[in-house]
Amino acid sequence: MLGGLRFSRSFLTKSMSKEFFKVNEVGPRDGLQNEKTFIPTELKIELINRLGKCGFSSIEAASFVSPKWIPQLKDGEKVMKEINRYPNVAYPVVVLNMYGLHKAMSNNNVTEISVFSSCSEGFSKKNVNMSIENHLNRTEEVVNEALNKGLRVRGYLSMIIGCPYDGKTDPKIVARTAEAMLEMGCHEISLGDTTGVGTAASINKMLDEVLTVSSADRFSAHFHDTYGQALANVLVALEKGLRSADSSVGGLGGCPYAPGASGNLASEDLVYLLHGLGFQTGVNLEELTQVGNWICSVMKRPNASKCSTALYTKSHFN
């Protein structure tokens, strides 16, 4: 027992049962959106295609937002038209409003969208210049139209633990916001520790509240590794019954509107943990590490995955 948390024997037993855990790769969108230098469209397409061969269930491929806000992702339409599609892989795109939805719907290759809401009033006003309530009302209009057109919709919540503007986030606000997005028709809610300030204790407390509004299979963990806590927090989510998490190849990315929020959880490290616990993910770890090393090399970025670093060192010095 540590800090009031106890990992049960039943959890350890169940985790060895070859249960499936869904890993949502968000690198092509969340991992690249902060880059100041424009990344060629062809490179984005190649990254998605290489990731598609690794066995992911979901690869967040693009964003249909105004180029004024996120210029790095202005080529979403071309990306979605030209990527290779692999069987049983979803390729969701992010939309923030009706403008983005209509652009996405004009692309016949889009079958799933992701929408956002903040759990912090300060961040909501900084990000979309609206209160949480007003933004949820706008988002509901987007979700309704998307569902009417036959698209699947996934919801993102940001600032679930803390916010650079408002401080600590009340878990009850997270639960209420999650419930609102589920009632709109989102099939899954991604719980985003956007600034990476979460610890095992704060994640546990938040999930205790959130899981009063729906079952664990409706939620996904999106934990940033800013303070090195992401994998520990994933273990808490596992104990609570979550079987889905977001991660980014090579640990690329963060949030462009959250100061200090660098560092998505590296997909390689997440997959290594899950395979070590006996979960099935469908992801080929060796192929994934090769993709991570490749994209980090091309972008001249250090690979944030400790798993990749260890495997690379082992292969070159044995």
C-alpha atoms as a PDB file:
ATOM      1  CA  MET A   1       0.000   0.000   0.000  1.00  0.00           C
ATOM      2  CA  LEU A   2       1.386   3.401  -0.973  1.00  0.00           C
ATOM      3  CA  GLY A   3      -0.173   6.768  -0.217  1.00  0.00           C
ATOM      4  CA  GLY A   4      -3.547   5.138   0.456  1.00  0.00           C
ATOM      5  CA  LEU A   5      -3.440   3.175  -2.814  1.00  0.00           C
ATOM      6  CA  ARG A   6      -3.369  -0.591  -2.969  1.00  0.00           C
ATOM      7  CA  PHE A   7      -2.937  -2.705  -6.108  1.00  0.00           C
ATOM      8  CA  SER A   8      -5.025  -5.792  -5.502  1.00  0.00           C
ATOM      9  CA  ARG A   9      -4.019  -9.352  -6.222  1.00  0.00           C
ATOM     10  CA  SER A  10      -7.095  -9.638  -8.421  1.00  0.00           C
ATOM     11  CA  PHE A  11      -5.733  -6.807 -10.558  1.00  0.00           C
ATOM     12  CA  LEU A  12      -2.403  -8.567 -10.966  1.00  0.00           C
ATOM     13  CA  THR A  13      -4.175 -11.842 -11.791  1.00  0.00           C
ATOM     14  CA  LYS A  14      -6.548 -10.257 -14.294  1.00  0.00           C
ATOM     15  CA  SER A  15      -3.733  -8.369 -15.972  1.00  0.00           C
ATOM     16  CA  MET A  16      -2.086 -11.669 -16.867  1.00  0.00           C
ATOM     17  CA  SER A  17      -5.203 -12.966 -18.606  1.00  0.00           C
ATOM     18  CA  LYS A  18      -4.340 -11.688 -22.114  1.00  0.00           C
ATOM     19  CA  GLU A  19      -7.085  -9.090 -21.818  1.00  0.00           C
ATOM     20  CA  PHE A  20      -7.095  -6.532 -24.638  1.00  0.00           C
ATOM     21  CA  PHE A  21      -6.010  -2.953 -23.980  1.00  0.00           C
ATOM     22  CA  LYS A  22      -6.602  -0.312 -26.667  1.00  0.00           C
ATOM     23  CA  VAL A  23      -3.680   2.019 -27.362  1.00  0.00           C
ATOM     24  CA  ASN A  24      -4.711   5.190 -29.186  1.00  0.00           C
ATOM     25  CA  GLU A  25      -1.753   6.651 -31.079  1.00  0.00           C
ATOM     26  CA  VAL A  26      -2.051  10.450 -31.130  1.00  0.00           C
ATOM     27  CA  GLY A  27       1.422  11.362 -32.388  1.00  0.00           C
ATOM     28  CA  PRO A  28       0.501  12.477 -35.924  1.00  0.00           C
ATOM     29  CA  ARG A  29      -1.877  15.077 -34.483  1.00  0.00           C
ATOM     30  CA  ASP A  30      -1.090  15.840 -30.831  1.00  0.00           C
ATOM     31  CA  GLY A  31       2.576  14.996 -31.262  1.00  0.00           C
ATOM     32  CA  LEU A  32       3.186  17.354 -34.168  1.00  0.00           C
ATOM     33  CA  GLN A  33       0.870  20.305 -33.558  1.00  0.00           C
ATOM     34  CA  ASN A  34       3.423  22.261 -31.483  1.00  0.00           C
ATOM     35  CA  GLU A  35       6.217  22.132 -34.044  1.00  0.00           C
ATOM     36  CA  LYS A  36       7.207  25.635 -35.166  1.00  0.00           C
ATOM     37  CA  THR A  37       8.694  24.567 -38.497  1.00  0.00           C
ATOM     38  CA  PHE A  38       6.110  23.185 -40.892  1.00  0.00           C
ATOM     39  CA  ILE A  39       6.464  19.436 -41.331  1.00  0.00           C
ATOM     40  CA  PRO A  40       5.996  18.378 -44.962  1.00  0.00           C
ATOM     41  CA  THR A  41       2.676  16.728 -45.663  1.00  0.00           C
ATOM     42  CA  GLU A  42       4.435  13.753 -47.236  1.00  0.00           C
ATOM     43  CA  LEU A  43       6.317  13.141 -43.979  1.00  0.00           C
ATOM     44  CA  LYS A  44       3.082  13.186 -41.973  1.00  0.00           C
ATOM     45  CA  ILE A  45       1.543  10.698 -44.379  1.00  0.00           C
ATOM     46  CA  GLU A  46       4.579   8.426 -44.147  1.00  0.00           C
ATOM     47  CA  LEU A  47       4.477   8.572 -40.338  1.00  0.00           C
ATOM     48  CA  ILE A  48       0.818   7.543 -40.279  1.00  0.00           C
ATOM     49  CA  ASN A  49       1.449   4.755 -42.772  1.00  0.00           C
ATOM     50  CA  ARG A  50       4.377   3.405 -40.759  1.00  0.00           C
ATOM     51  CA  LEU A  51       2.328   3.531 -37.560  1.00  0.00           C
ATOM     52  CA  GLY A  52      -0.506   1.745 -39.359  1.00  0.00           C
ATOM     53  CA  LYS A  53       1.775  -1.236 -39.889  1.00  0.00           C
ATOM     54  CA  CYS A  54       2.518  -1.447 -36.143  1.00  0.00           C
ATOM     55  CA  GLY A  55      -0.923  -2.762 -35.191  1.00  0.00           C
ATOM     56  CA  PHE A  56      -2.628   0.173 -33.457  1.00  0.00           C
ATOM     57  CA  SER A  57      -6.419   0.147 -33.101  1.00  0.00           C
ATOM     58  CA  SER A  58      -6.619   3.917 -33.524  1.00  0.00           C
ATOM     59  CA  ILE A  59      -4.316   6.556 -35.023  1.00  0.00           C
ATOM     60  CA  GLU A  60      -5.380  10.178 -34.645  1.00  0.00           C
ATOM     61  CA  ALA A  61      -4.360  11.397 -38.059  1.00  0.00           C
ATOM     62  CA  ALA A  62      -5.246  15.064 -38.504  1.00  0.00           C
ATOM     63  CA  SER A  63      -7.118  18.107 -37.309  1.00  0.00           C
ATOM     64  CA  PHE A  64      -9.650  20.234 -39.153  1.00  0.00           C
ATOM     65  CA  VAL A  65      -9.120  23.569 -37.432  1.00  0.00           C
ATOM     66  CA  SER A  66      -8.398  27.071 -38.671  1.00  0.00           C
ATOM     67  CA  PRO A  67      -4.784  27.354 -39.906  1.00  0.00           C
ATOM     68  CA  LYS A  68      -4.658  30.632 -37.994  1.00  0.00           C
ATOM     69  CA  TRP A  69      -4.784  28.706 -34.708  1.00  0.00           C
ATOM     70  CA  ILE A  70      -2.710  25.621 -35.505  1.00  0.00           C
ATOM     71  CA  PRO A  71      -0.856  26.200 -38.796  1.00  0.00           C
ATOM     72  CA  GLN A  72       1.057  22.929 -38.456  1.00  0.00           C
ATOM     73  CA  LEU A  73      -2.148  20.986 -39.140  1.00  0.00           C
ATOM     74  CA  LYS A  74      -3.448  23.002 -42.087  1.00  0.00           C
ATOM     75  CA  ASP A  75      -2.941  20.049 -44.436  1.00  0.00           C
ATOM     76  CA  GLY A  76      -5.431  17.719 -42.754  1.00  0.00           C
ATOM     77  CA  GLU A  77      -7.579  17.316 -45.854  1.00  0.00           C
ATOM     78  CA  LYS A  78      -4.657  16.156 -48.003  1.00  0.00           C
ATOM     79  CA  VAL A  79      -3.369  13.869 -45.250  1.00  0.00           C
ATOM     80  CA  MET A  80      -6.720  12.122 -44.914  1.00  0.00           C
ATOM     81  CA  LYS A  81      -7.041  11.658 -48.668  1.00  0.00           C
ATOM     82  CA  GLU A  82      -3.607  10.129 -49.174  1.00  0.00           C
ATOM     83  CA  ILE A  83      -2.845   7.904 -46.175  1.00  0.00           C
ATOM     84  CA  ASN A  84      -3.032   4.144 -46.513  1.00  0.00           C
ATOM     85  CA  ARG A  85      -5.826   2.587 -44.495  1.00  0.00           C
ATOM     86  CA  TYR A  86      -5.244  -0.666 -42.686  1.00  0.00           C
ATOM     87  CA  PRO A  87      -8.034  -3.054 -41.640  1.00  0.00           C
ATOM     88  CA  ASN A  88      -9.487  -2.547 -38.166  1.00  0.00           C
ATOM     89  CA  VAL A  89      -7.679   0.772 -37.650  1.00  0.00           C
ATOM     90  CA  ALA A  90      -9.675   3.936 -36.881  1.00  0.00           C
ATOM     91  CA  TYR A  91      -8.316   7.272 -38.124  1.00  0.00           C
ATOM     92  CA  PRO A  92     -10.138   9.949 -36.092  1.00  0.00           C
ATOM     93  CA  VAL A  93      -9.643  13.666 -36.759  1.00  0.00           C
ATOM     94  CA  VAL A  94     -10.064  16.588 -34.385  1.00  0.00           C
ATOM     95  CA  VAL A  95     -12.737  19.218 -35.017  1.00  0.00           C
ATOM     96  CA  LEU A  96     -13.489  22.179 -32.774  1.00  0.00           C
ATOM     97  CA  ASN A  97     -16.573  23.723 -34.372  1.00  0.00           C
ATOM     98  CA  MET A  98     -19.009  23.541 -37.275  1.00  0.00           C
ATOM     99  CA  TYR A  99     -16.411  24.939 -39.663  1.00  0.00           C
ATOM    100  CA  GLY A 100     -14.119  22.031 -38.866  1.00  0.00           C
ATOM    101  CA  LEU A 101     -16.924  19.491 -38.978  1.00  0.00           C
ATOM    102  CA  HIS A 102     -18.074  20.571 -42.427  1.00  0.00           C
ATOM    103  CA  LYS A 103     -14.503  20.424 -43.719  1.00  0.00           C
ATOM    104  CA  ALA A 104     -14.147  16.938 -42.249  1.00  0.00           C
ATOM    105  CA  MET A 105     -17.466  15.762 -43.687  1.00  0.00           C
ATOM    106  CA  SER A 106     -16.454  16.939 -47.157  1.00  0.00           C
ATOM    107  CA  ASN A 107     -13.666  14.362 -46.975  1.00  0.00           C
ATOM    108  CA  ASN A 108     -15.155  10.929 -47.624  1.00  0.00           C
ATOM    109  CA  ASN A 109     -12.286   9.287 -45.766  1.00  0.00           C
ATOM    110  CA  VAL A 110     -13.324  10.723 -42.381  1.00  0.00           C
ATOM    111  CA  THR A 111     -15.479   8.337 -40.342  1.00  0.00           C
ATOM    112  CA  GLU A 112     -14.697   9.460 -36.777  1.00  0.00           C
ATOM    113  CA  ILE A 113     -14.117  12.828 -35.143  1.00  0.00           C
ATOM    114  CA  SER A 114     -12.847  13.978 -31.767  1.00  0.00           C
ATOM    115  CA  VAL A 115     -14.247  17.002 -29.917  1.00  0.00           C
ATOM    116  CA  PHE A 116     -12.884  18.867 -26.910  1.00  0.00           C
ATOM    117  CA  SER A 117     -13.982  20.467 -23.680  1.00  0.00           C
ATOM    118  CA  SER A 118     -12.009  21.883 -20.787  1.00  0.00           C
ATOM    119  CA  CYS A 119     -12.586  21.187 -17.099  1.00  0.00           C
ATOM    120  CA  SER A 120     -11.105  24.588 -16.227  1.00  0.00           C
ATOM    121  CA  GLU A 121     -12.930  27.870 -16.766  1.00  0.00           C
ATOM    122  CA  GLY A 122      -9.643  29.737 -17.115  1.00  0.00           C
ATOM    123  CA  PHE A 123      -8.311  27.394 -19.772  1.00  0.00           C
ATOM    124  CA  SER A 124     -11.641  27.356 -21.612  1.00  0.00           C
ATOM    125  CA  LYS A 125     -11.619  31.129 -21.851  1.00  0.00           C
ATOM    126  CA  LYS A 126      -7.976  31.228 -22.950  1.00  0.00           C
ATOM    127  CA  ASN A 127      -8.432  28.412 -25.464  1.00  0.00           C
ATOM    128  CA  VAL A 128     -11.865  29.048 -27.021  1.00  0.00           C
ATOM    129  CA  ASN A 129     -12.917  32.339 -25.386  1.00  0.00           C
ATOM    130  CA  MET A 130     -16.016  30.718 -23.865  1.00  0.00           C
ATOM    131  CA  SER A 131     -17.158  29.371 -20.527  1.00  0.00           C
ATOM    132  CA  ILE A 132     -17.282  25.605 -20.117  1.00  0.00           C
ATOM    133  CA  GLU A 133     -21.087  25.641 -20.310  1.00  0.00           C
ATOM    134  CA  ASN A 134     -21.227  27.738 -23.473  1.00  0.00           C
ATOM    135  CA  HIS A 135     -18.556  25.651 -25.132  1.00  0.00           C
ATOM    136  CA  LEU A 136     -20.388  22.433 -24.258  1.00  0.00           C
ATOM    137  CA  ASN A 137     -23.521  23.850 -25.876  1.00  0.00           C
ATOM    138  CA  ARG A 138     -21.568  24.620 -29.053  1.00  0.00           C
ATOM    139  CA  THR A 139     -19.931  21.208 -28.956  1.00  0.00           C
ATOM    140  CA  GLU A 140     -23.298  19.483 -28.631  1.00  0.00           C
ATOM    141  CA  GLU A 141     -24.401  21.057 -31.917  1.00  0.00           C
ATOM    142  CA  VAL A 142     -21.282  19.654 -33.597  1.00  0.00           C
ATOM    143  CA  VAL A 143     -21.793  16.213 -32.069  1.00  0.00           C
ATOM    144  CA  ASN A 144     -25.460  16.077 -33.059  1.00  0.00           C
ATOM    145  CA  GLU A 145     -24.714  16.871 -36.691  1.00  0.00           C
ATOM    146  CA  ALA A 146     -21.805  14.428 -36.793  1.00  0.00           C
ATOM    147  CA  LEU A 147     -23.931  11.610 -35.386  1.00  0.00           C
ATOM    148  CA  ASN A 148     -26.730  12.413 -37.817  1.00  0.00           C
ATOM    149  CA  LYS A 149     -24.232  12.002 -40.656  1.00  0.00           C
ATOM    150  CA  GLY A 150     -23.132   8.614 -39.333  1.00  0.00           C
ATOM    151  CA  LEU A 151     -19.788   9.646 -37.844  1.00  0.00           C
ATOM    152  CA  ARG A 152     -18.466   8.239 -34.587  1.00  0.00           C
ATOM    153  CA  VAL A 153     -17.539  10.849 -31.990  1.00  0.00           C
ATOM    154  CA  ARG A 154     -14.909  10.702 -29.271  1.00  0.00           C
ATOM    155  CA  GLY A 155     -14.662  13.329 -26.546  1.00  0.00           C
ATOM    156  CA  TYR A 156     -11.560  14.855 -24.990  1.00  0.00           C
ATOM    157  CA  LEU A 157     -11.450  16.508 -21.588  1.00  0.00           C
ATOM    158  CA  SER A 158      -8.483  18.729 -20.769  1.00  0.00           C
ATOM    159  CA  MET A 159      -7.130  19.962 -17.414  1.00  0.00           C
ATOM    160  CA  ILE A 160      -8.628  17.072 -15.436  1.00  0.00           C
ATOM    161  CA  ILE A 161      -6.155  17.474 -12.549  1.00  0.00           C
ATOM    162  CA  GLY A 162      -4.795  20.991 -12.684  1.00  0.00           C
ATOM    163  CA  CYS A 163      -4.636  24.124 -14.816  1.00  0.00           C
ATOM    164  CA  PRO A 164      -1.898  26.772 -15.233  1.00  0.00           C
ATOM    165  CA  TYR A 165      -4.569  29.458 -14.823  1.00  0.00           C
ATOM    166  CA  ASP A 166      -6.987  28.056 -12.224  1.00  0.00           C
ATOM    167  CA  GLY A 167      -4.847  25.691 -10.152  1.00  0.00           C
ATOM    168  CA  LYS A 168      -6.290  22.367  -8.979  1.00  0.00           C
ATOM    169  CA  THR A 169      -9.338  21.010 -10.797  1.00  0.00           C
ATOM    170  CA  ASP A 170     -12.327  19.808  -8.783  1.00  0.00           C
ATOM    171  CA  PRO A 171     -13.008  16.127  -9.667  1.00  0.00           C
ATOM    172  CA  LYS A 172     -16.740  16.866  -9.521  1.00  0.00           C
ATOM    173  CA  ILE A 173     -16.341  19.283 -12.449  1.00  0.00           C
ATOM    174  CA  VAL A 174     -14.516  16.572 -14.393  1.00  0.00           C
ATOM    175  CA  ALA A 175     -17.342  14.121 -13.699  1.00  0.00           C
ATOM    176  CA  ARG A 176     -20.069  16.598 -14.695  1.00  0.00           C
ATOM    177  CA  THR A 177     -18.282  17.539 -17.910  1.00  0.00           C
ATOM    178  CA  ALA A 178     -17.658  13.901 -18.797  1.00  0.00           C
ATOM    179  CA  GLU A 179     -21.309  13.092 -18.165  1.00  0.00           C
ATOM    180  CA  ALA A 180     -22.398  15.945 -20.437  1.00  0.00           C
ATOM    181  CA  MET A 181     -20.215  14.675 -23.274  1.00  0.00           C
ATOM    182  CA  LEU A 182     -21.417  11.104 -22.853  1.00  0.00           C
ATOM    183  CA  GLU A 183     -25.026  12.299 -22.952  1.00  0.00           C
ATOM    184  CA  MET A 184     -24.278  14.077 -26.242  1.00  0.00           C
ATOM    185  CA  GLY A 185     -23.372  10.720 -27.747  1.00  0.00           C
ATOM    186  CA  CYS A 186     -19.583  10.443 -27.458  1.00  0.00           C
ATOM    187  CA  HIS A 187     -18.651   6.759 -27.461  1.00  0.00           C
ATOM    188  CA  GLU A 188     -15.549   7.345 -25.311  1.00  0.00           C
ATOM    189  CA  ILE A 189     -14.134  10.154 -23.199  1.00  0.00           C
ATOM    190  CA  SER A 190     -10.388  10.723 -23.093  1.00  0.00           C
ATOM    191  CA  LEU A 191      -9.386  12.091 -19.692  1.00  0.00           C
ATOM    192  CA  GLY A 192      -6.528  14.515 -20.292  1.00  0.00           C
ATOM    193  CA  ASP A 193      -3.982  15.455 -17.651  1.00  0.00           C
ATOM    194  CA  THR A 194      -2.891  18.224 -19.981  1.00  0.00           C
ATOM    195  CA  THR A 195      -0.164  19.718 -17.799  1.00  0.00           C
ATOM    196  CA  GLY A 196       1.036  16.370 -16.468  1.00  0.00           C
ATOM    197  CA  VAL A 197       0.690  17.416 -12.821  1.00  0.00           C
ATOM    198  CA  GLY A 198      -1.293  14.318 -11.852  1.00  0.00           C
ATOM    199  CA  THR A 199       0.001  11.789  -9.357  1.00  0.00           C
ATOM    200  CA  ALA A 200      -1.314   8.353  -8.450  1.00  0.00           C
ATOM    201  CA  ALA A 201      -3.303   9.872  -5.594  1.00  0.00           C
ATOM    202  CA  SER A 202      -4.901  12.695  -7.593  1.00  0.00           C
ATOM    203  CA  ILE A 203      -5.709  10.415 -10.537  1.00  0.00           C
ATOM    204  CA  ASN A 204      -7.280   7.916  -8.141  1.00  0.00           C
ATOM    205  CA  LYS A 205      -9.431  10.634  -6.566  1.00  0.00           C
ATOM    206  CA  MET A 206     -10.511  11.974  -9.957  1.00  0.00           C
ATOM    207  CA  LEU A 207     -11.447   8.517 -11.255  1.00  0.00           C
ATOM    208  CA  ASP A 208     -13.432   7.743  -8.105  1.00  0.00           C
ATOM    209  CA  GLU A 209     -15.649  10.702  -8.993  1.00  0.00           C
ATOM    210  CA  VAL A 210     -15.757  10.171 -12.765  1.00  0.00           C
ATOM    211  CA  LEU A 211     -16.701   6.506 -12.479  1.00  0.00           C
ATOM    212  CA  THR A 212     -19.897   7.476 -10.647  1.00  0.00           C
ATOM    213  CA  VAL A 213     -21.315   8.784 -13.948  1.00  0.00           C
ATOM    214  CA  SER A 214     -20.456   5.823 -16.192  1.00  0.00           C
ATOM    215  CA  SER A 215     -18.495   2.584 -16.386  1.00  0.00           C
ATOM    216  CA  ALA A 216     -14.742   2.364 -16.935  1.00  0.00           C
ATOM    217  CA  ASP A 217     -15.124   1.105 -20.502  1.00  0.00           C
ATOM    218  CA  ARG A 218     -16.364   4.562 -21.555  1.00  0.00           C
ATOM    219  CA  PHE A 219     -13.096   6.274 -20.598  1.00  0.00           C
ATOM    220  CA  SER A 220      -9.530   6.478 -21.853  1.00  0.00           C
ATOM    221  CA  ALA A 221      -6.430   7.751 -20.041  1.00  0.00           C
ATOM    222  CA  HIS A 222      -4.495  10.633 -21.606  1.00  0.00           C
ATOM    223  CA  PHE A 223      -1.683  11.330 -19.164  1.00  0.00           C
ATOM    224  CA  HIS A 224       1.220  13.634 -19.990  1.00  0.00           C
ATOM    225  CA  ASP A 225       4.647  12.775 -18.625  1.00  0.00           C
ATOM    226  CA  THR A 226       5.758  16.300 -17.731  1.00  0.00           C
ATOM    227  CA  TYR A 227       6.712  15.240 -14.186  1.00  0.00           C
ATOM    228  CA  GLY A 228       7.509  11.626 -15.011  1.00  0.00           C
ATOM    229  CA  GLN A 229       4.245  10.319 -13.544  1.00  0.00           C
ATOM    230  CA  ALA A 230       2.378   9.078 -16.622  1.00  0.00           C
ATOM    231  CA  LEU A 231       3.063   5.340 -16.317  1.00  0.00           C
ATOM    232  CA  ALA A 232       2.315   5.333 -12.589  1.00  0.00           C
ATOM    233  CA  ASN A 233      -0.960   7.072 -13.367  1.00  0.00           C
ATOM    234  CA  VAL A 234      -1.774   4.510 -16.058  1.00  0.00           C
ATOM    235  CA  LEU A 235      -1.402   1.787 -13.431  1.00  0.00           C
ATOM    236  CA  VAL A 236      -4.016   3.551 -11.309  1.00  0.00           C
ATOM    237  CA  ALA A 237      -6.337   3.733 -14.317  1.00  0.00           C
ATOM    238  CA  LEU A 238      -5.793   0.017 -14.933  1.00  0.00           C
ATOM    239  CA  GLU A 239      -6.714  -0.784 -11.348  1.00  0.00           C
ATOM    240  CA  LYS A 240      -9.893   1.269 -11.798  1.00  0.00           C
ATOM    241  CA  GLY A 241     -10.845  -0.784 -14.851  1.00  0.00           C
ATOM    242  CA  LEU A 242      -9.861   1.462 -17.770  1.00  0.00           C
ATOM    243  CA  ARG A 243      -8.690  -0.470 -20.814  1.00  0.00           C
ATOM    244  CA  SER A 244      -7.829   2.382 -23.168  1.00  0.00           C
ATOM    245  CA  ALA A 245      -5.088   5.023 -23.174  1.00  0.00           C
ATOM    246  CA  ASP A 246      -3.660   7.677 -25.487  1.00  0.00           C
ATOM    247  CA  SER A 247       0.046   7.985 -26.222  1.00  0.00           C
ATOM    248  CA  SER A 248       2.419   9.472 -28.772  1.00  0.00           C
ATOM    249  CA  VAL A 249       5.249   7.796 -30.649  1.00  0.00           C
ATOM    250  CA  GLY A 250       8.582   8.927 -29.240  1.00  0.00           C
ATOM    251  CA  GLY A 251       6.755  10.972 -26.596  1.00  0.00           C
ATOM    252  CA  LEU A 252       6.257  13.768 -29.118  1.00  0.00           C
ATOM    253  CA  GLY A 253       3.962  16.666 -28.368  1.00  0.00           C
ATOM    254  CA  GLY A 254       1.880  18.398 -25.756  1.00  0.00           C
ATOM    255  CA  CYS A 255      -0.646  21.237 -25.810  1.00  0.00           C
ATOM    256  CA  PRO A 256       0.036  24.546 -27.636  1.00  0.00           C
ATOM    257  CA  TYR A 257      -2.153  26.507 -25.203  1.00  0.00           C
ATOM    258  CA  ALA A 258      -0.891  25.006 -21.927  1.00  0.00           C
ATOM    259  CA  PRO A 259       2.432  26.508 -20.784  1.00  0.00           C
ATOM    260  CA  GLY A 260       4.859  23.855 -19.565  1.00  0.00           C
ATOM    261  CA  ALA A 261       2.743  20.954 -20.804  1.00  0.00           C
ATOM    262  CA  SER A 262       5.366  19.298 -22.965  1.00  0.00           C
ATOM    263  CA  GLY A 263       5.578  15.551 -23.047  1.00  0.00           C
ATOM    264  CA  ASN A 264       2.938  13.082 -24.110  1.00  0.00           C
ATOM    265  CA  LEU A 265       3.398   9.598 -22.738  1.00  0.00           C
ATOM    266  CA  ALA A 266       5.591   7.676 -25.185  1.00  0.00           C
ATOM    267  CA  SER A 267       3.672   4.905 -26.935  1.00  0.00           C
ATOM    268  CA  GLU A 268       6.702   2.624 -26.718  1.00  0.00           C
ATOM    269  CA  ASP A 269       6.831   2.915 -22.920  1.00  0.00           C
ATOM    270  CA  LEU A 270       3.089   2.339 -22.575  1.00  0.00           C
ATOM    271  CA  VAL A 271       3.153  -0.756 -24.790  1.00  0.00           C
ATOM    272  CA  TYR A 272       6.177  -2.149 -22.933  1.00  0.00           C
ATOM    273  CA  LEU A 273       4.328  -1.760 -19.625  1.00  0.00           C
ATOM    274  CA  LEU A 274       1.126  -3.337 -20.933  1.00  0.00           C
ATOM    275  CA  HIS A 275       2.895  -6.303 -22.513  1.00  0.00           C
ATOM    276  CA  GLY A 276       4.824  -6.805 -19.288  1.00  0.00           C
ATOM    277  CA  LEU A 277       1.524  -7.035 -17.423  1.00  0.00           C
ATOM    278  CA  GLY A 278       0.221  -9.586 -19.908  1.00  0.00           C
ATOM    279  CA  PHE A 279      -2.214  -7.396 -21.824  1.00  0.00           C
ATOM    280  CA  GLN A 280      -2.726  -7.765 -25.546  1.00  0.00           C
ATOM    281  CA  THR A 281      -2.489  -4.528 -27.536  1.00  0.00           C
ATOM    282  CA  GLY A 282      -2.032  -5.730 -31.109  1.00  0.00           C
ATOM    283  CA  VAL A 283       1.021  -3.452 -31.325  1.00  0.00           C
ATOM    284  CA  ASN A 284       4.376  -4.798 -32.483  1.00  0.00           C
ATOM    285  CA  LEU A 285       6.792  -3.127 -30.063  1.00  0.00           C
ATOM    286  CA  GLU A 286       9.892  -3.734 -32.163  1.00  0.00           C
ATOM    287  CA  GLU A 287       8.329  -2.109 -35.228  1.00  0.00           C
ATOM    288  CA  LEU A 288       7.015   0.757 -33.105  1.00  0.00           C
ATOM    289  CA  THR A 289      10.452   1.545 -31.669  1.00  0.00           C
ATOM    290  CA  GLN A 290      11.846   1.657 -35.198  1.00  0.00           C
ATOM    291  CA  VAL A 291       9.169   4.161 -36.214  1.00  0.00           C
ATOM    292  CA  GLY A 292       9.868   6.254 -33.115  1.00  0.00           C
ATOM    293  CA  ASN A 293      13.603   6.328 -33.726  1.00  0.00           C
ATOM    294  CA  TRP A 294      13.010   7.217 -37.376  1.00  0.00           C
ATOM    295  CA  ILE A 295      10.609  10.134 -36.817  1.00  0.00           C
ATOM    296  CA  CYS A 296      12.684  11.582 -33.961  1.00  0.00           C
ATOM    297  CA  SER A 297      15.794  11.385 -36.137  1.00  0.00           C
ATOM    298  CA  VAL A 298      14.068  13.054 -39.088  1.00  0.00           C
ATOM    299  CA  MET A 299      12.718  15.810 -36.835  1.00  0.00           C
ATOM    300  CA  LYS A 300      16.066  16.132 -35.040  1.00  0.00           C
ATOM    301  CA  ARG A 301      14.339  15.561 -31.724  1.00  0.00           C
ATOM    302  CA  PRO A 302      15.559  13.385 -28.856  1.00  0.00           C
ATOM    303  CA  ASN A 303      13.437  10.269 -28.444  1.00  0.00           C
ATOM    304  CA  ALA A 304      11.624  10.662 -25.120  1.00  0.00           C
ATOM    305  CA  SER A 305      10.873   6.938 -24.888  1.00  0.00           C
ATOM    306  CA  LYS A 306      13.032   5.233 -22.281  1.00  0.00           C
ATOM    307  CA  CYS A 307      12.023   1.875 -23.730  1.00  0.00           C
ATOM    308  CA  SER A 308      13.324   2.838 -27.168  1.00  0.00           C
ATOM    309  CA  THR A 309      16.559   4.160 -25.700  1.00  0.00           C
ATOM    310  CA  ALA A 310      17.111   0.957 -23.733  1.00  0.00           C
ATOM    311  CA  LEU A 311      16.344  -1.326 -26.672  1.00  0.00           C
ATOM    312  CA  TYR A 312      18.568   0.714 -28.992  1.00  0.00           C
ATOM    313  CA  THR A 313      21.448   0.591 -26.512  1.00  0.00           C
ATOM    314  CA  LYS A 314      20.982  -3.134 -25.969  1.00  0.00           C
ATOM    315  CA  SER A 315      20.979  -3.887 -29.698  1.00  0.00           C
ATOM    316  CA  HIS A 316      24.117  -1.845 -30.356  1.00  0.00           C
ATOM    317  CA  PHE A 317      26.254  -2.977 -27.425  1.00  0.00           C
ATOM    318  CA  ASN A 318      25.455  -6.681 -27.163  1.00  0.00           C
END
